[in-house]
Every structure is written in C-alpha cells, then in structure tokens.
C-alpha cells in the first residue's frame, strides 16, 4: 500500500510552510500500513496539476493526501470539496501569476467532493486530542487547484483511489513571529496524518 503525501513550498510572505515539512518528514515512513511517498509541489497555478498527475503516474498510490498551509485557521482542516476556479485573490503564486475567476478545467465539473473519509478523519483526530474540523472551502488558490485537478483526473480515468486535501495551521514556532495567530504543535501533525490515512 502506497500513500502519496504532498506539501507546498513557501510562498508569499511565508518563509516556512508546515506542509512542506510534513511531506519531507513522512517520505519513506510507514503510516497506518501505508508506505509514504512525500513530495513538495510548487506554488504555481500552471504547474501544480501536472506535477501532481506526474507523481500519481510514477508511484500509482493507493491513497493521495495533499496538504497545504492555511495560516489563519486554528485547527487542522480536512477539506470536503474542490471547486473549478483559480483565483489568486490577494497574493499571486510564486511565478507571479494571479488568475481571476479562471476555470481550472474549461469543460470540467463545477466541483468535486473529496473521496477520503472527511468526517470520520476529523472525528478520529478530535478523539485523539488533535484540533481538527471539517472545512467546506479549500479556497481558490493552489491548494484548491491541487484538490480539484486531482479529483477531476481520477473521475475522468474512472480511478477509485481515495484522494483529499488537508489544510494545516501555523506551527507554534512559526506563530511566535506572528503574534496571536492560531497554531498547532508540530508533533500533532504526524498523528493527524495517521488518523486520516488509517481511514482512507
């Protein structure tokens, strides 16, 4: 059993990205019976979908859990839906691209629901003392792009591989430079990943 876990490189004014740390630390580990392949994606609208598809083709994973930073959130957020919209809103990507109200796939579905067990994963994390919640919006930046493009690809291919997206808050150490911003201890991130994986 292979789990593909992706994170993102730093972007904007974030000189660290906890999702990058998670992907790198889990690479080569075994979590809930899955051998983890960790990879870091570029924060670029024009590249993320193709690179994610390339990783799927290379590793043929049984489960895909992509992760990214949501710095204003106070809990680990398991995303329920990806929408067919790219919109940089307030910050361009790392290639200075700033799409506005642009479809990710021109003739694609309006939205796709995550195929990992969203509610069950959050319930398990809460039972383990990990701050977590279901999120109904992955935004419209590269995180949403990854979730939507992955689910669209799998639907077109008739592939039943569970796939989803998890947003991570700041770590406590990162919060120290951003006073009063919500954060979660780094040690909880591996545990939370195990809770999502064991239910996929």
Protein backbone atom coordinates (compact mmCIF):
# COMPACT_ATOMS: atom_id res chain seq x y z
CA UNK A 1 0.00 0.00 0.00
CA UNK A 2 1.41 3.35 -1.05
CA UNK A 3 0.30 6.75 0.20
CA UNK A 4 1.25 9.87 -1.74
CA UNK A 5 1.51 12.83 0.61
CA UNK A 6 2.24 16.23 -0.90
CA UNK A 7 3.03 19.58 0.63
CA UNK A 8 3.84 23.01 -0.76
CA UNK A 9 6.92 25.16 -0.88
CA UNK A 10 6.92 28.50 0.96
CA UNK A 11 5.04 31.30 -0.78
CA UNK A 12 4.12 34.95 -0.41
CA UNK A 13 5.37 36.29 2.91
CA UNK A 14 5.61 32.79 4.41
CA UNK A 15 9.27 31.83 4.69
CA UNK A 16 8.25 28.42 6.05
CA UNK A 17 5.46 26.06 5.07
CA UNK A 18 4.46 23.32 7.53
CA UNK A 19 3.01 21.22 4.71
CA UNK A 20 6.47 21.04 3.13
CA UNK A 21 7.88 19.85 6.45
CA UNK A 22 5.17 17.18 6.77
CA UNK A 23 5.76 15.80 3.26
CA UNK A 24 9.52 15.71 3.74
CA UNK A 25 9.38 14.12 7.20
CA UNK A 26 6.90 11.43 6.16
CA UNK A 27 8.73 10.48 2.96
CA UNK A 28 9.89 6.88 3.32
CA UNK A 29 7.95 6.29 6.54
CA UNK A 30 5.20 3.71 7.12
CA UNK A 31 1.96 5.18 8.44
CA UNK A 32 -1.13 3.06 9.16
CA UNK A 33 0.23 0.31 6.93
CA UNK A 34 0.97 2.66 4.04
CA UNK A 35 4.46 3.30 2.68
CA UNK A 36 4.59 7.06 2.30
CA UNK A 37 5.95 8.91 -0.70
CA UNK A 38 6.35 12.55 0.30
CA UNK A 39 6.73 15.26 -2.33
CA UNK A 40 6.76 19.06 -2.36
CA UNK A 41 4.73 20.86 -5.02
CA UNK A 42 5.40 24.31 -6.47
CA UNK A 43 3.02 27.10 -5.54
CA UNK A 44 2.31 27.80 -9.21
CA UNK A 45 -1.10 27.50 -10.81
CA UNK A 46 0.35 26.43 -14.17
CA UNK A 47 2.46 23.61 -12.74
CA UNK A 48 0.77 22.07 -9.73
CA UNK A 49 -1.81 19.95 -11.56
CA UNK A 50 0.70 18.46 -13.99
CA UNK A 51 3.26 17.74 -11.29
CA UNK A 52 0.65 16.08 -9.09
CA UNK A 53 -0.53 13.97 -12.05
CA UNK A 54 3.09 13.02 -12.73
CA UNK A 55 3.55 11.83 -9.15
CA UNK A 56 0.41 9.71 -9.41
CA UNK A 57 1.63 8.18 -12.68
CA UNK A 58 5.06 7.47 -11.20
CA UNK A 59 4.00 5.96 -7.88
CA UNK A 60 0.48 4.59 -8.56
CA UNK A 61 -0.61 5.33 -4.96
CA UNK A 62 -3.49 3.63 -3.17
CA UNK A 63 -4.33 6.90 -1.40
CA UNK A 64 -3.45 10.55 -2.00
CA UNK A 65 -3.48 13.17 0.76
CA UNK A 66 -2.31 16.61 -0.33
CA UNK A 67 -1.59 19.24 2.32
CA UNK A 68 -1.11 22.99 2.42
CA UNK A 69 -0.90 25.97 4.75
CA UNK A 70 -3.96 27.87 5.95
CA UNK A 71 -2.29 30.28 8.32
CA UNK A 72 -5.40 31.90 9.76
CA UNK A 73 -7.05 28.67 10.87
CA UNK A 74 -6.95 27.33 14.43
CA UNK A 75 -7.27 23.61 13.63
CA UNK A 76 -6.26 21.04 11.08
CA UNK A 77 -8.91 21.27 8.36
CA UNK A 78 -9.98 18.32 6.25
CA UNK A 79 -11.44 19.71 3.04
CA UNK A 80 -14.78 18.46 1.78
CA UNK A 81 -14.86 19.96 -1.73
CA UNK A 82 -12.67 21.33 -4.51
CA UNK A 83 -14.18 23.87 -6.94
CA UNK A 84 -13.35 24.57 -10.58
CA UNK A 85 -11.95 28.05 -10.00
CA UNK A 86 -8.49 29.59 -9.86
CA UNK A 87 -8.44 33.00 -8.19
CA UNK A 88 -5.32 34.41 -6.57
CA UNK A 89 -7.47 36.84 -4.55
CA UNK A 90 -4.79 38.81 -2.66
CA UNK A 91 -1.49 37.01 -3.32
CA UNK A 92 -0.02 35.82 -6.65
CA UNK A 93 1.68 32.46 -6.95
CA UNK A 94 5.45 32.05 -6.88
CA UNK A 95 5.66 32.71 -10.62
CA UNK A 96 3.78 36.00 -10.12
CA UNK A 97 0.67 34.60 -11.80
CA UNK A 98 -2.60 35.99 -10.44
CA UNK A 99 -5.59 34.41 -12.22
CA UNK A 100 -9.05 35.77 -11.52
CA UNK A 101 -12.22 33.67 -11.76
CA UNK A 102 -10.50 31.28 -14.18
CA UNK A 103 -11.72 27.68 -14.61
CA UNK A 104 -9.13 25.03 -13.72
CA UNK A 105 -10.56 22.71 -16.39
CA UNK A 106 -12.54 24.51 -19.09
CA UNK A 107 -15.13 21.76 -19.55
CA UNK A 108 -14.78 20.23 -16.09
CA UNK A 109 -17.39 19.72 -13.40
CA UNK A 110 -18.19 22.71 -11.20
CA UNK A 111 -16.93 20.88 -8.11
CA UNK A 112 -15.78 17.52 -6.78
CA UNK A 113 -16.21 16.05 -3.31
CA UNK A 114 -13.16 14.64 -1.56
CA UNK A 115 -13.06 10.85 -1.57
CA UNK A 116 -11.20 10.37 1.69
CA UNK A 117 -13.45 9.90 4.77
CA UNK A 118 -13.64 13.55 5.77
CA UNK A 119 -15.98 13.43 8.78
CA UNK A 120 -14.54 10.18 10.13
CA UNK A 121 -10.99 11.56 9.95
CA UNK A 122 -11.95 14.70 11.86
CA UNK A 123 -13.82 12.65 14.46
CA UNK A 124 -10.78 10.42 14.98
CA UNK A 125 -8.45 13.40 15.37
CA UNK A 126 -10.72 15.07 17.89
CA UNK A 127 -10.92 11.83 19.88
CA UNK A 128 -7.11 11.78 19.95
CA UNK A 129 -6.94 15.35 21.24
CA UNK A 130 -5.91 16.89 17.91
CA UNK A 131 -7.64 20.19 16.99
CA UNK A 132 -9.49 19.42 13.76
CA UNK A 133 -12.57 20.37 11.78
CA UNK A 134 -14.36 19.75 8.52
CA UNK A 135 -13.85 22.60 6.05
CA UNK A 136 -16.22 23.35 3.21
CA UNK A 137 -13.86 25.67 1.37
CA UNK A 138 -10.32 24.95 0.22
CA UNK A 139 -10.15 28.50 -1.11
CA UNK A 140 -9.32 29.30 -4.72
CA UNK A 141 -5.52 29.30 -4.66
CA UNK A 142 -3.13 26.44 -5.44
CA UNK A 143 -4.44 24.23 -2.61
CA UNK A 144 -7.89 24.14 -4.15
CA UNK A 145 -6.29 23.70 -7.58
CA UNK A 146 -4.49 20.58 -6.37
CA UNK A 147 -7.63 19.08 -4.84
CA UNK A 148 -9.88 19.82 -7.80
CA UNK A 149 -7.43 18.78 -10.52
CA UNK A 150 -6.67 15.51 -8.72
CA UNK A 151 -10.34 14.61 -8.28
CA UNK A 152 -11.16 15.63 -11.86
CA UNK A 153 -8.32 13.46 -13.16
CA UNK A 154 -9.47 10.45 -11.15
CA UNK A 155 -13.07 10.86 -12.28
CA UNK A 156 -12.04 11.07 -15.93
CA UNK A 157 -9.86 7.96 -15.54
CA UNK A 158 -12.51 6.05 -13.59
CA UNK A 159 -9.97 5.67 -10.83
CA UNK A 160 -11.33 4.92 -7.33
CA UNK A 161 -8.21 5.92 -5.39
CA UNK A 162 -9.21 7.88 -2.25
CA UNK A 163 -7.93 11.44 -2.54
CA UNK A 164 -8.30 14.57 -0.45
CA UNK A 165 -6.73 17.68 0.95
CA UNK A 166 -5.79 18.75 4.48
CA UNK A 167 -5.04 22.34 5.45
CA UNK A 168 -2.55 22.92 8.27
CA UNK A 169 -2.31 25.94 10.58
CA UNK A 170 0.96 27.55 11.57
CA UNK A 171 3.20 25.61 13.92
CA UNK A 172 3.74 27.10 17.38
CA UNK A 173 7.29 28.15 16.47
CA UNK A 174 6.08 29.98 13.37
CA UNK A 175 3.33 31.69 15.35
CA UNK A 176 5.97 33.27 17.59
CA UNK A 177 6.80 35.60 14.70
CA UNK A 178 3.13 36.30 14.02
CA UNK A 179 1.65 37.23 17.39
CA UNK A 180 -1.80 35.93 18.28
CA UNK A 181 -2.16 33.85 15.14
CA UNK A 182 -3.70 30.36 15.66
CA UNK A 183 -1.28 27.44 15.57
CA UNK A 184 -0.92 23.71 16.22
CA UNK A 185 2.08 21.91 17.69
CA UNK A 186 4.27 20.31 15.03
CA UNK A 187 4.23 17.00 16.93
CA UNK A 188 0.50 16.65 16.29
CA UNK A 189 0.86 16.77 12.53
CA UNK A 190 2.23 13.26 12.12
CA UNK A 191 -0.52 11.93 14.40
CA UNK A 192 -3.19 13.72 12.39
CA UNK A 193 -1.84 12.28 9.16
CA UNK A 194 -2.03 8.80 10.62
CA UNK A 195 -5.69 9.39 11.59
CA UNK A 196 -6.61 10.43 8.04
CA UNK A 197 -4.62 7.60 6.46
CA UNK A 198 -6.00 4.84 8.65
CA UNK A 199 -9.50 5.69 7.42
CA UNK A 200 -8.71 6.03 3.74
